[in-house]
Amino acid sequence: MADVKRAGKQAQKSQETRRRILEAARELFVERGYGATMLQDVAAQAGVAVQTIYFVFGNKRTLLREVVDISIAGDDEPVATMDRPWFRDALAAETADAQLRTHIRGTREILERVAPIMKMVDTAAAGDPEIAGLWPQDENPRFVVHATAAKALMAKPGARPGMPAERAADVLFGVLSPELYLLFVRERGWSPEQWEQWAYECLRSQLCSVRNQNQ
């Protein structure tokens, strides 16, 4: 029993150390940029030895990948976006309008975490081609999520008649983009809630029937 408790405490300590490293890395990568941030800086801010970062993550690129992946997910659980409760709840909504509201809310919560680091990742990838290979995908994963949502949405009551799911996916992909989110929230000073309401009104006019909009 003592061994089990000891193992549990060790696992908890390791998880806490991992969390501190990721939080420090995210803060410094965003503040200074990926290239200008040394692992020694991350270690100092996290209160660990540099060797600990190498032991847990292997190298700086892997640390960046973990920062991005956890920012998207909101936690370190190995659960894909389309398997997350918020996305499943959106798909299960009975009407197009209800799905749209839930989908935009879930997307907003992701963008609040991810949008601030996307420019940093793009800059890092421009200076280090191997970074782009950290997320090998035949298709843009963000588009896949919105395309799946669009297919379900356009088959529901209240969806705009004649709107192809493929076009609806493009509209979701564009309006709910990190770039547009940052344009309004960071550059124009909107609150995330204001952006969410605007996105809902915009997408509702595009993807829901005129009758549904007048209700």
N, C-alpha and C. Protein backbone atom coordinates (compact mmCIF):
# COMPACT_ATOMS: atom_id res chain seq x y z
N MET A 1 0.82 -1.20 0.00
CA MET A 1 0.00 0.00 0.00
C MET A 1 0.87 1.26 0.00
N ALA A 2 1.95 1.22 0.78
CA ALA A 2 2.85 2.37 0.83
C ALA A 2 3.46 2.62 -0.54
N ASP A 3 3.80 1.54 -1.26
CA ASP A 3 4.38 1.68 -2.59
C ASP A 3 3.38 2.31 -3.56
N VAL A 4 2.12 1.93 -3.42
CA VAL A 4 1.09 2.47 -4.29
C VAL A 4 0.92 3.97 -4.04
N LYS A 5 0.87 4.36 -2.77
CA LYS A 5 0.74 5.77 -2.43
C LYS A 5 1.93 6.58 -2.92
N ARG A 6 3.12 5.97 -2.75
CA ARG A 6 4.33 6.65 -3.20
C ARG A 6 4.32 6.85 -4.71
N ALA A 7 3.87 5.82 -5.42
CA ALA A 7 3.79 5.90 -6.88
C ALA A 7 2.77 6.95 -7.31
N GLY A 8 1.66 7.02 -6.57
CA GLY A 8 0.63 8.01 -6.89
C GLY A 8 1.12 9.43 -6.68
N LYS A 9 1.85 9.65 -5.59
CA LYS A 9 2.40 10.98 -5.32
C LYS A 9 3.44 11.37 -6.37
N GLN A 10 4.23 10.38 -6.79
CA GLN A 10 5.25 10.65 -7.80
C GLN A 10 4.61 11.02 -9.13
N ALA A 11 3.54 10.31 -9.49
CA ALA A 11 2.84 10.60 -10.73
C ALA A 11 2.22 11.99 -10.69
N GLN A 12 1.66 12.35 -9.53
CA GLN A 12 1.07 13.67 -9.37
C GLN A 12 2.13 14.76 -9.48
N LYS A 13 3.28 14.50 -8.88
CA LYS A 13 4.38 15.47 -8.95
C LYS A 13 4.88 15.63 -10.37
N SER A 14 4.98 14.52 -11.09
CA SER A 14 5.43 14.57 -12.48
C SER A 14 4.44 15.35 -13.34
N GLN A 15 3.15 15.15 -13.09
CA GLN A 15 2.12 15.85 -13.85
C GLN A 15 2.18 17.35 -13.57
N GLU A 16 2.41 17.71 -12.33
CA GLU A 16 2.51 19.13 -11.97
C GLU A 16 3.73 19.76 -12.62
N THR A 17 4.85 19.03 -12.63
CA THR A 17 6.06 19.53 -13.27
C THR A 17 5.82 19.76 -14.76
N ARG A 18 5.16 18.81 -15.41
CA ARG A 18 4.84 18.92 -16.83
C ARG A 18 3.96 20.14 -17.09
N ARG A 19 2.96 20.36 -16.23
CA ARG A 19 2.07 21.49 -16.38
C ARG A 19 2.82 22.81 -16.26
N ARG A 20 3.73 22.91 -15.28
CA ARG A 20 4.49 24.15 -15.09
C ARG A 20 5.38 24.43 -16.31
N ILE A 21 5.98 23.41 -16.85
CA ILE A 21 6.84 23.59 -18.02
C ILE A 21 6.02 24.08 -19.21
N LEU A 22 4.87 23.48 -19.43
CA LEU A 22 4.02 23.87 -20.55
C LEU A 22 3.51 25.30 -20.40
N GLU A 23 3.12 25.67 -19.19
CA GLU A 23 2.64 27.04 -18.96
C GLU A 23 3.76 28.05 -19.18
N ALA A 24 4.95 27.73 -18.70
CA ALA A 24 6.09 28.63 -18.88
C ALA A 24 6.45 28.75 -20.35
N ALA A 25 6.46 27.63 -21.06
CA ALA A 25 6.79 27.63 -22.48
C ALA A 25 5.78 28.45 -23.27
N ARG A 26 4.51 28.24 -23.00
CA ARG A 26 3.48 28.99 -23.72
C ARG A 26 3.66 30.49 -23.51
N GLU A 27 3.84 30.90 -22.27
CA GLU A 27 3.98 32.32 -21.96
C GLU A 27 5.19 32.93 -22.66
N LEU A 28 6.32 32.23 -22.61
CA LEU A 28 7.54 32.77 -23.20
C LEU A 28 7.52 32.71 -24.71
N PHE A 29 6.96 31.64 -25.29
CA PHE A 29 6.87 31.55 -26.75
C PHE A 29 6.03 32.70 -27.30
N VAL A 30 4.93 33.01 -26.63
CA VAL A 30 4.06 34.09 -27.09
C VAL A 30 4.71 35.45 -26.88
N GLU A 31 5.34 35.61 -25.74
CA GLU A 31 5.94 36.92 -25.39
C GLU A 31 7.19 37.22 -26.23
N ARG A 32 8.06 36.21 -26.39
CA ARG A 32 9.35 36.45 -27.04
C ARG A 32 9.46 35.87 -28.44
N GLY A 33 8.61 34.89 -28.74
CA GLY A 33 8.75 34.16 -29.99
C GLY A 33 9.48 32.85 -29.74
N TYR A 34 9.21 31.89 -30.61
CA TYR A 34 9.80 30.56 -30.43
C TYR A 34 11.33 30.61 -30.55
N GLY A 35 11.82 31.28 -31.58
CA GLY A 35 13.27 31.30 -31.83
C GLY A 35 14.05 31.98 -30.73
N ALA A 36 13.47 33.01 -30.14
CA ALA A 36 14.19 33.80 -29.13
C ALA A 36 14.08 33.19 -27.73
N THR A 37 13.28 32.16 -27.58
CA THR A 37 13.11 31.53 -26.27
C THR A 37 14.01 30.32 -26.15
N MET A 38 14.90 30.33 -25.18
CA MET A 38 15.79 29.21 -24.93
C MET A 38 15.15 28.27 -23.90
N LEU A 39 15.50 27.01 -23.98
CA LEU A 39 14.97 26.07 -23.00
C LEU A 39 15.43 26.42 -21.59
N GLN A 40 16.58 27.06 -21.48
CA GLN A 40 17.04 27.52 -20.17
C GLN A 40 16.07 28.54 -19.58
N ASP A 41 15.50 29.39 -20.46
CA ASP A 41 14.53 30.38 -20.01
C ASP A 41 13.26 29.70 -19.50
N VAL A 42 12.82 28.70 -20.25
CA VAL A 42 11.62 27.96 -19.85
C VAL A 42 11.86 27.26 -18.52
N ALA A 43 13.03 26.64 -18.39
CA ALA A 43 13.36 25.92 -17.16
C ALA A 43 13.37 26.87 -15.96
N ALA A 44 13.97 28.05 -16.15
CA ALA A 44 14.04 29.00 -15.05
C ALA A 44 12.65 29.45 -14.62
N GLN A 45 11.79 29.72 -15.59
CA GLN A 45 10.45 30.19 -15.25
C GLN A 45 9.61 29.08 -14.62
N ALA A 46 9.83 27.86 -15.07
CA ALA A 46 9.06 26.73 -14.53
C ALA A 46 9.64 26.22 -13.22
N GLY A 47 10.85 26.66 -12.87
CA GLY A 47 11.47 26.21 -11.63
C GLY A 47 11.97 24.78 -11.69
N VAL A 48 12.48 24.39 -12.87
CA VAL A 48 13.02 23.03 -13.04
C VAL A 48 14.38 23.12 -13.71
N ALA A 49 15.07 22.00 -13.74
CA ALA A 49 16.35 21.94 -14.44
C ALA A 49 16.11 21.75 -15.93
N VAL A 50 17.02 22.24 -16.75
CA VAL A 50 16.90 22.05 -18.20
C VAL A 50 16.82 20.57 -18.54
N GLN A 51 17.57 19.77 -17.83
CA GLN A 51 17.57 18.33 -18.09
C GLN A 51 16.17 17.73 -17.90
N THR A 52 15.39 18.33 -17.01
CA THR A 52 14.03 17.83 -16.80
C THR A 52 13.18 18.04 -18.05
N ILE A 53 13.36 19.18 -18.71
CA ILE A 53 12.60 19.44 -19.94
C ILE A 53 12.99 18.43 -21.02
N TYR A 54 14.28 18.17 -21.15
CA TYR A 54 14.73 17.18 -22.13
C TYR A 54 14.16 15.80 -21.79
N PHE A 55 14.13 15.47 -20.52
CA PHE A 55 13.64 14.16 -20.11
C PHE A 55 12.14 14.01 -20.40
N VAL A 56 11.36 15.08 -20.14
CA VAL A 56 9.91 15.01 -20.30
C VAL A 56 9.48 15.16 -21.75
N PHE A 57 10.14 16.07 -22.49
CA PHE A 57 9.67 16.40 -23.83
C PHE A 57 10.64 16.01 -24.95
N GLY A 58 11.88 15.78 -24.62
CA GLY A 58 12.83 15.38 -25.65
C GLY A 58 13.58 16.53 -26.27
N ASN A 59 12.84 17.52 -26.81
CA ASN A 59 13.49 18.67 -27.44
C ASN A 59 12.51 19.85 -27.51
N LYS A 60 13.00 20.95 -28.01
CA LYS A 60 12.21 22.18 -28.04
C LYS A 60 11.03 22.08 -29.00
N ARG A 61 11.21 21.41 -30.14
CA ARG A 61 10.12 21.28 -31.10
C ARG A 61 8.95 20.48 -30.51
N THR A 62 9.28 19.42 -29.82
CA THR A 62 8.23 18.61 -29.20
C THR A 62 7.51 19.40 -28.12
N LEU A 63 8.24 20.22 -27.40
CA LEU A 63 7.61 21.08 -26.39
C LEU A 63 6.63 22.03 -27.06
N LEU A 64 7.02 22.61 -28.19
CA LEU A 64 6.12 23.50 -28.92
C LEU A 64 4.86 22.76 -29.35
N ARG A 65 5.03 21.56 -29.87
CA ARG A 65 3.88 20.77 -30.31
C ARG A 65 2.92 20.53 -29.15
N GLU A 66 3.46 20.20 -27.99
CA GLU A 66 2.61 19.95 -26.82
C GLU A 66 1.88 21.22 -26.39
N VAL A 67 2.56 22.36 -26.47
CA VAL A 67 1.93 23.63 -26.12
C VAL A 67 0.74 23.89 -27.03
N VAL A 68 0.93 23.68 -28.32
CA VAL A 68 -0.15 23.93 -29.28
C VAL A 68 -1.29 22.94 -29.08
N ASP A 69 -0.95 21.66 -28.96
CA ASP A 69 -1.99 20.63 -28.84
C ASP A 69 -2.84 20.83 -27.59
N ILE A 70 -2.21 21.18 -26.49
CA ILE A 70 -2.96 21.38 -25.24
C ILE A 70 -3.76 22.68 -25.31
N SER A 71 -3.25 23.67 -26.02
CA SER A 71 -4.01 24.91 -26.19
C SER A 71 -5.29 24.63 -26.97
N ILE A 72 -5.23 23.77 -27.97
CA ILE A 72 -6.42 23.42 -28.74
C ILE A 72 -7.40 22.64 -27.88
N ALA A 73 -6.89 21.64 -27.18
CA ALA A 73 -7.77 20.75 -26.42
C ALA A 73 -8.27 21.36 -25.12
N GLY A 74 -7.44 22.17 -24.49
CA GLY A 74 -7.79 22.71 -23.18
C GLY A 74 -7.29 21.86 -22.03
N ASP A 75 -6.77 20.69 -22.35
CA ASP A 75 -6.20 19.80 -21.34
C ASP A 75 -5.26 18.84 -22.06
N ASP A 76 -4.63 17.93 -21.30
CA ASP A 76 -3.68 17.01 -21.91
C ASP A 76 -4.27 15.62 -22.12
N GLU A 77 -5.60 15.53 -22.12
CA GLU A 77 -6.23 14.25 -22.39
C GLU A 77 -6.16 13.94 -23.89
N PRO A 78 -5.87 12.69 -24.25
CA PRO A 78 -5.73 12.33 -25.67
C PRO A 78 -7.08 12.15 -26.35
N VAL A 79 -7.86 13.23 -26.39
CA VAL A 79 -9.20 13.19 -26.98
C VAL A 79 -9.27 14.21 -28.11
N ALA A 80 -9.61 13.75 -29.31
CA ALA A 80 -9.69 14.62 -30.47
C ALA A 80 -10.84 15.61 -30.33
N THR A 81 -10.74 16.73 -31.05
CA THR A 81 -11.77 17.77 -30.97
C THR A 81 -13.16 17.21 -31.25
N MET A 82 -13.28 16.37 -32.28
CA MET A 82 -14.60 15.87 -32.65
C MET A 82 -15.14 14.82 -31.69
N ASP A 83 -14.31 14.41 -30.74
CA ASP A 83 -14.77 13.51 -29.68
C ASP A 83 -15.01 14.23 -28.37
N ARG A 84 -14.83 15.54 -28.38
CA ARG A 84 -15.03 16.34 -27.17
C ARG A 84 -16.52 16.51 -26.91
N PRO A 85 -16.90 16.60 -25.62
CA PRO A 85 -18.33 16.74 -25.29
C PRO A 85 -19.00 17.91 -25.98
N TRP A 86 -18.33 19.08 -26.06
CA TRP A 86 -18.98 20.25 -26.66
C TRP A 86 -19.32 20.01 -28.12
N PHE A 87 -18.43 19.31 -28.84
CA PHE A 87 -18.68 19.06 -30.25
C PHE A 87 -19.79 18.03 -30.42
N ARG A 88 -19.78 17.00 -29.59
CA ARG A 88 -20.84 15.99 -29.63
C ARG A 88 -22.19 16.61 -29.28
N ASP A 89 -22.20 17.52 -28.32
CA ASP A 89 -23.44 18.20 -27.96
C ASP A 89 -23.97 19.03 -29.14
N ALA A 90 -23.05 19.68 -29.85
CA ALA A 90 -23.46 20.47 -31.01
C ALA A 90 -24.08 19.57 -32.08
N LEU A 91 -23.43 18.46 -32.38
CA LEU A 91 -23.95 17.55 -33.39
C LEU A 91 -25.32 16.99 -32.99
N ALA A 92 -25.52 16.84 -31.70
CA ALA A 92 -26.77 16.25 -31.21
C ALA A 92 -27.92 17.26 -31.13
N ALA A 93 -27.64 18.54 -31.34
CA ALA A 93 -28.69 19.56 -31.27
C ALA A 93 -29.78 19.26 -32.30
N GLU A 94 -31.00 19.59 -31.96
CA GLU A 94 -32.13 19.22 -32.80
C GLU A 94 -32.31 20.15 -34.00
N THR A 95 -31.88 21.40 -33.90
CA THR A 95 -32.07 22.35 -34.99
C THR A 95 -30.73 22.94 -35.43
N ALA A 96 -30.76 23.51 -36.63
CA ALA A 96 -29.55 24.15 -37.15
C ALA A 96 -29.11 25.31 -36.27
N ASP A 97 -30.07 26.10 -35.81
CA ASP A 97 -29.75 27.25 -34.96
C ASP A 97 -29.11 26.81 -33.65
N ALA A 98 -29.66 25.77 -33.03
CA ALA A 98 -29.12 25.29 -31.76
C ALA A 98 -27.71 24.73 -31.95
N GLN A 99 -27.50 24.00 -33.04
CA GLN A 99 -26.15 23.49 -33.29
C GLN A 99 -25.17 24.63 -33.51
N LEU A 100 -25.61 25.62 -34.27
CA LEU A 100 -24.73 26.75 -34.58
C LEU A 100 -24.28 27.47 -33.31
N ARG A 101 -25.23 27.71 -32.41
CA ARG A 101 -24.88 28.38 -31.15
C ARG A 101 -23.83 27.59 -30.37
N THR A 102 -24.05 26.29 -30.25
CA THR A 102 -23.13 25.45 -29.48
C THR A 102 -21.79 25.34 -30.17
N HIS A 103 -21.80 25.24 -31.49
CA HIS A 103 -20.55 25.12 -32.25
C HIS A 103 -19.71 26.39 -32.12
N ILE A 104 -20.36 27.54 -32.20
CA ILE A 104 -19.64 28.80 -32.09
C ILE A 104 -19.08 28.99 -30.68
N ARG A 105 -19.86 28.61 -29.68
CA ARG A 105 -19.38 28.73 -28.30
C ARG A 105 -18.14 27.87 -28.08
N GLY A 106 -18.19 26.61 -28.52
CA GLY A 106 -17.04 25.73 -28.37
C GLY A 106 -15.83 26.22 -29.13
N THR A 107 -16.06 26.74 -30.34
CA THR A 107 -14.97 27.26 -31.16
C THR A 107 -14.35 28.49 -30.51
N ARG A 108 -15.19 29.35 -29.93
CA ARG A 108 -14.68 30.54 -29.26
C ARG A 108 -13.74 30.16 -28.12
N GLU A 109 -14.13 29.16 -27.35
CA GLU A 109 -13.29 28.74 -26.22
C GLU A 109 -11.94 28.23 -26.70
N ILE A 110 -11.93 27.55 -27.84
CA ILE A 110 -10.66 27.10 -28.41
C ILE A 110 -9.84 28.29 -28.90
N LEU A 111 -10.48 29.21 -29.61
CA LEU A 111 -9.76 30.36 -30.16
C LEU A 111 -9.18 31.24 -29.07
N GLU A 112 -9.85 31.34 -27.95
CA GLU A 112 -9.30 32.12 -26.84
C GLU A 112 -7.95 31.57 -26.40
N ARG A 113 -7.81 30.24 -26.48
CA ARG A 113 -6.55 29.61 -26.08
C ARG A 113 -5.53 29.59 -27.22
N VAL A 114 -6.01 29.38 -28.45
CA VAL A 114 -5.10 29.08 -29.56
C VAL A 114 -4.71 30.30 -30.37
N ALA A 115 -5.65 31.20 -30.62
CA ALA A 115 -5.38 32.31 -31.52
C ALA A 115 -4.11 33.10 -31.17
N PRO A 116 -3.85 33.38 -29.87
CA PRO A 116 -2.65 34.15 -29.54
C PRO A 116 -1.33 33.47 -29.91
N ILE A 117 -1.33 32.15 -30.11
CA ILE A 117 -0.06 31.47 -30.39
C ILE A 117 0.10 31.11 -31.87
N MET A 118 -0.95 31.31 -32.69
CA MET A 118 -0.86 30.87 -34.08
C MET A 118 0.17 31.66 -34.89
N LYS A 119 0.22 32.98 -34.68
CA LYS A 119 1.20 33.78 -35.40
C LYS A 119 2.61 33.36 -35.01
N MET A 120 2.79 33.06 -33.74
CA MET A 120 4.10 32.60 -33.27
C MET A 120 4.49 31.29 -33.95
N VAL A 121 3.53 30.39 -34.08
CA VAL A 121 3.82 29.10 -34.72
C VAL A 121 4.17 29.30 -36.19
N ASP A 122 3.42 30.17 -36.88
CA ASP A 122 3.71 30.44 -38.30
C ASP A 122 5.10 31.01 -38.47
N THR A 123 5.47 31.93 -37.59
CA THR A 123 6.81 32.52 -37.65
C THR A 123 7.88 31.48 -37.37
N ALA A 124 7.63 30.63 -36.39
CA ALA A 124 8.57 29.56 -36.06
C ALA A 124 8.75 28.60 -37.22
N ALA A 125 7.65 28.25 -37.88
CA ALA A 125 7.70 27.32 -39.01
C ALA A 125 8.46 27.92 -40.18
N ALA A 126 8.35 29.23 -40.36
CA ALA A 126 9.07 29.90 -41.44
C ALA A 126 10.57 29.82 -41.22
N GLY A 127 10.99 29.82 -39.97
CA GLY A 127 12.41 29.75 -39.67
C GLY A 127 12.94 28.35 -39.46
N ASP A 128 12.04 27.38 -39.31
CA ASP A 128 12.42 26.00 -39.05
C ASP A 128 11.43 25.08 -39.77
N PRO A 129 11.75 24.64 -41.00
CA PRO A 129 10.82 23.82 -41.79
C PRO A 129 10.36 22.55 -41.07
N GLU A 130 11.17 22.06 -40.15
CA GLU A 130 10.79 20.83 -39.45
C GLU A 130 9.58 21.03 -38.54
N ILE A 131 9.32 22.28 -38.16
CA ILE A 131 8.19 22.55 -37.29
C ILE A 131 6.87 22.27 -38.01
N ALA A 132 6.81 22.60 -39.29
CA ALA A 132 5.60 22.33 -40.05
C ALA A 132 5.27 20.84 -40.06
N GLY A 133 6.29 20.02 -39.98
CA GLY A 133 6.09 18.58 -39.99
C GLY A 133 5.66 18.00 -38.65
N LEU A 134 5.53 18.86 -37.64
CA LEU A 134 5.09 18.37 -36.32
C LEU A 134 3.63 17.95 -36.35
N TRP A 135 2.86 18.50 -37.30
CA TRP A 135 1.45 18.16 -37.41
C TRP A 135 1.16 17.66 -38.82
N PRO A 136 1.70 16.49 -39.18
CA PRO A 136 1.50 15.99 -40.55
C PRO A 136 0.03 15.68 -40.81
N GLN A 137 -0.55 16.39 -41.76
CA GLN A 137 -1.97 16.20 -42.07
C GLN A 137 -2.16 16.32 -43.58
N ASP A 138 -2.96 15.42 -44.14
CA ASP A 138 -3.33 15.56 -45.54
C ASP A 138 -4.33 16.69 -45.72
N GLU A 139 -5.14 16.92 -44.70
CA GLU A 139 -6.13 17.99 -44.71
C GLU A 139 -5.95 18.86 -43.48
N ASN A 140 -6.36 20.10 -43.62
CA ASN A 140 -6.32 21.02 -42.49
C ASN A 140 -7.27 20.50 -41.41
N PRO A 141 -6.78 20.15 -40.23
CA PRO A 141 -7.65 19.57 -39.20
C PRO A 141 -8.76 20.51 -38.76
N ARG A 142 -8.51 21.80 -38.79
CA ARG A 142 -9.56 22.76 -38.43
C ARG A 142 -10.69 22.71 -39.45
N PHE A 143 -10.33 22.57 -40.73
CA PHE A 143 -11.36 22.48 -41.75
C PHE A 143 -12.17 21.19 -41.61
N VAL A 144 -11.50 20.10 -41.27
CA VAL A 144 -12.19 18.82 -41.10
C VAL A 144 -13.27 18.95 -40.02
N VAL A 145 -12.94 19.63 -38.92
CA VAL A 145 -13.91 19.83 -37.83
C VAL A 145 -15.12 20.61 -38.33
N HIS A 146 -14.86 21.72 -39.04
CA HIS A 146 -15.97 22.55 -39.50
C HIS A 146 -16.76 21.85 -40.61
N ALA A 147 -16.10 21.07 -41.43
CA ALA A 147 -16.81 20.34 -42.48
C ALA A 147 -17.75 19.30 -41.88
N THR A 148 -17.30 18.64 -40.82
CA THR A 148 -18.15 17.66 -40.14
C THR A 148 -19.36 18.36 -39.53
N ALA A 149 -19.12 19.53 -38.92
CA ALA A 149 -20.22 20.30 -38.33
C ALA A 149 -21.19 20.76 -39.41
N ALA A 150 -20.66 21.22 -40.53
CA ALA A 150 -21.50 21.74 -41.61
C ALA A 150 -22.40 20.66 -42.19
N LYS A 151 -21.87 19.48 -42.36
CA LYS A 151 -22.66 18.38 -42.91
C LYS A 151 -23.86 18.07 -42.01
N ALA A 152 -23.63 18.05 -40.71
CA ALA A 152 -24.73 17.79 -39.78
C ALA A 152 -25.70 18.95 -39.74
N LEU A 153 -25.17 20.17 -39.73
CA LEU A 153 -26.00 21.36 -39.60
C LEU A 153 -26.96 21.51 -40.77
N MET A 154 -26.48 21.30 -42.00
CA MET A 154 -27.31 21.53 -43.17
C MET A 154 -28.38 20.47 -43.36
N ALA A 155 -28.31 19.41 -42.58
CA ALA A 155 -29.33 18.35 -42.66
C ALA A 155 -30.43 18.54 -41.61
N LYS A 156 -30.34 19.63 -40.82
CA LYS A 156 -31.27 19.81 -39.71
C LYS A 156 -32.37 20.82 -40.03
N PRO A 157 -33.48 20.74 -39.31
CA PRO A 157 -34.54 21.74 -39.46
C PRO A 157 -33.99 23.14 -39.18
N GLY A 158 -34.39 24.08 -40.03
CA GLY A 158 -33.94 25.45 -39.84
C GLY A 158 -32.71 25.81 -40.64
N ALA A 159 -32.11 24.84 -41.34
CA ALA A 159 -30.95 25.14 -42.17
C ALA A 159 -31.39 25.87 -43.44
N ARG A 160 -30.52 26.65 -44.00
CA ARG A 160 -30.84 27.43 -45.20
C ARG A 160 -31.05 26.48 -46.38
N PRO A 161 -32.20 26.53 -47.01
CA PRO A 161 -32.47 25.63 -48.14
C PRO A 161 -31.51 25.86 -49.30
N GLY A 162 -31.05 24.77 -49.89
CA GLY A 162 -30.20 24.87 -51.07
C GLY A 162 -28.74 25.15 -50.79
N MET A 163 -28.38 25.35 -49.53
CA MET A 163 -26.98 25.61 -49.19
C MET A 163 -26.21 24.30 -49.14
N PRO A 164 -25.25 24.08 -50.04
CA PRO A 164 -24.48 22.84 -50.00
C PRO A 164 -23.62 22.77 -48.73
N ALA A 165 -23.47 21.59 -48.20
CA ALA A 165 -22.67 21.42 -46.99
C ALA A 165 -21.22 21.86 -47.24
N GLU A 166 -20.74 21.66 -48.47
CA GLU A 166 -19.37 22.05 -48.79
C GLU A 166 -19.18 23.57 -48.66
N ARG A 167 -20.18 24.32 -49.14
CA ARG A 167 -20.08 25.78 -49.02
C ARG A 167 -20.25 26.22 -47.57
N ALA A 168 -21.14 25.55 -46.84
CA ALA A 168 -21.32 25.87 -45.43
C ALA A 168 -20.03 25.64 -44.66
N ALA A 169 -19.30 24.59 -45.02
CA ALA A 169 -18.02 24.31 -44.36
C ALA A 169 -17.03 25.44 -44.62
N ASP A 170 -17.01 25.96 -45.85
CA ASP A 170 -16.11 27.07 -46.17
C ASP A 170 -16.46 28.31 -45.36
N VAL A 171 -17.77 28.56 -45.20
CA VAL A 171 -18.22 29.73 -44.44
C VAL A 171 -17.82 29.61 -42.98
N LEU A 172 -18.04 28.44 -42.38
CA LEU A 172 -17.63 28.22 -40.99
C LEU A 172 -16.12 28.37 -40.85
N PHE A 173 -15.39 27.78 -41.77
CA PHE A 173 -13.93 27.81 -41.72
C PHE A 173 -13.40 29.24 -41.79
N GLY A 174 -14.04 30.07 -42.61
CA GLY A 174 -13.57 31.45 -42.76
C GLY A 174 -13.96 32.35 -41.60
N VAL A 175 -15.24 32.33 -41.22
CA VAL A 175 -15.73 33.23 -40.17
C VAL A 175 -15.14 32.86 -38.81
N LEU A 176 -14.98 31.57 -38.56
CA LEU A 176 -14.47 31.12 -37.26
C LEU A 176 -12.96 30.89 -37.27
N SER A 177 -12.25 31.69 -38.05
CA SER A 177 -10.80 31.53 -38.18
C SER A 177 -10.06 32.27 -37.07
N PRO A 178 -8.87 31.79 -36.71
CA PRO A 178 -8.06 32.51 -35.72
C PRO A 178 -7.72 33.92 -36.18
N GLU A 179 -7.50 34.09 -37.48
CA GLU A 179 -7.13 35.41 -38.00
C GLU A 179 -8.24 36.43 -37.78
N LEU A 180 -9.48 36.03 -38.09
CA LEU A 180 -10.59 36.95 -37.93
C LEU A 180 -10.88 37.21 -36.45
N TYR A 181 -10.73 36.17 -35.65
CA TYR A 181 -10.91 36.33 -34.20
C TYR A 181 -9.93 37.37 -33.66
N LEU A 182 -8.66 37.25 -34.04
CA LEU A 182 -7.65 38.19 -33.55
C LEU A 182 -7.87 39.60 -34.08
N LEU A 183 -8.37 39.70 -35.31
CA LEU A 183 -8.63 41.01 -35.90
C LEU A 183 -9.62 41.79 -35.04
N PHE A 184 -10.68 41.11 -34.60
CA PHE A 184 -11.70 41.79 -33.81
C PHE A 184 -11.29 41.93 -32.34
N VAL A 185 -10.78 40.83 -31.76
CA VAL A 185 -10.53 40.82 -30.32
C VAL A 185 -9.23 41.53 -29.95
N ARG A 186 -8.16 41.25 -30.66
CA ARG A 186 -6.88 41.87 -30.30
C ARG A 186 -6.73 43.25 -30.91
N GLU A 187 -7.01 43.38 -32.22
CA GLU A 187 -6.75 44.65 -32.89
C GLU A 187 -7.86 45.68 -32.66
N ARG A 188 -9.11 45.22 -32.61
CA ARG A 188 -10.22 46.16 -32.45
C ARG A 188 -10.77 46.21 -31.04
N GLY A 189 -10.26 45.37 -30.15
CA GLY A 189 -10.63 45.47 -28.75
C GLY A 189 -11.97 44.89 -28.36
N TRP A 190 -12.55 44.03 -29.23
CA TRP A 190 -13.80 43.38 -28.85
C TRP A 190 -13.54 42.38 -27.74
N SER A 191 -14.56 42.13 -26.94
CA SER A 191 -14.46 41.03 -25.98
C SER A 191 -14.75 39.72 -26.72
N PRO A 192 -14.26 38.60 -26.19
CA PRO A 192 -14.59 37.32 -26.82
C PRO A 192 -16.10 37.09 -26.93
N GLU A 193 -16.85 37.57 -25.95
CA GLU A 193 -18.30 37.43 -25.97
C GLU A 193 -18.92 38.25 -27.11
N GLN A 194 -18.40 39.44 -27.35
CA GLN A 194 -18.88 40.26 -28.45
C GLN A 194 -18.58 39.58 -29.79
N TRP A 195 -17.38 39.02 -29.90
CA TRP A 195 -17.04 38.30 -31.13
C TRP A 195 -17.97 37.11 -31.33
N GLU A 196 -18.25 36.38 -30.26
CA GLU A 196 -19.14 35.22 -30.36
C GLU A 196 -20.52 35.62 -30.86
N GLN A 197 -21.05 36.70 -30.32
CA GLN A 197 -22.38 37.15 -30.75
C GLN A 197 -22.36 37.58 -32.21
N TRP A 198 -21.33 38.31 -32.60
CA TRP A 198 -21.21 38.73 -34.00
C TRP A 198 -21.11 37.52 -34.92
N ALA A 199 -20.28 36.54 -34.54
CA ALA A 199 -20.10 35.35 -35.37
C ALA A 199 -21.42 34.59 -35.51
N TYR A 200 -22.17 34.53 -34.41
CA TYR A 200 -23.47 33.84 -34.47
C TYR A 200 -24.41 34.58 -35.41
N GLU A 201 -24.51 35.89 -35.29
CA GLU A 201 -25.41 36.65 -36.14
C GLU A 201 -25.01 36.54 -37.62
N CYS A 202 -23.71 36.60 -37.86
CA CYS A 202 -23.20 36.49 -39.22
C CYS A 202 -23.50 35.12 -39.82
N LEU A 203 -23.19 34.08 -39.09
CA LEU A 203 -23.36 32.72 -39.59
C LEU A 203 -24.84 32.33 -39.66
N ARG A 204 -25.62 32.82 -38.74
CA ARG A 204 -27.05 32.54 -38.77
C ARG A 204 -27.66 33.09 -40.05
N SER A 205 -27.25 34.28 -40.46
CA SER A 205 -27.79 34.87 -41.68
C SER A 205 -27.37 34.10 -42.92
N GLN A 206 -26.22 33.43 -42.83
CA GLN A 206 -25.70 32.69 -43.97
C GLN A 206 -26.20 31.25 -44.03
N LEU A 207 -26.37 30.63 -42.88
CA LEU A 207 -26.58 29.19 -42.84
C LEU A 207 -27.97 28.75 -42.39
N CYS A 208 -28.75 29.67 -41.82
CA CYS A 208 -30.09 29.31 -41.37
C CYS A 208 -31.14 29.92 -42.29
N SER A 209 -32.31 29.32 -42.32
CA SER A 209 -33.38 29.78 -43.20
C SER A 209 -33.87 31.16 -42.77
N VAL A 210 -34.44 31.89 -43.72
CA VAL A 210 -34.96 33.24 -43.44
C VAL A 210 -36.06 33.14 -42.39
N ARG A 211 -36.90 32.15 -42.50
CA ARG A 211 -37.98 31.96 -41.53
C ARG A 211 -37.41 31.77 -40.13
N ASN A 212 -36.34 30.98 -40.02
CA ASN A 212 -35.72 30.72 -38.71
C ASN A 212 -35.12 32.00 -38.14
N GLN A 213 -34.59 32.86 -39.01
CA GLN A 213 -33.97 34.11 -38.55
C GLN A 213 -35.00 35.09 -38.02
N ASN A 214 -36.22 35.00 -38.50
CA ASN A 214 -37.25 35.94 -38.08
C ASN A 214 -37.99 35.51 -36.82
N GLN A 215 -37.66 34.32 -36.32
CA GLN A 215 -38.34 33.81 -35.14
C GLN A 215 -37.75 34.42 -33.88
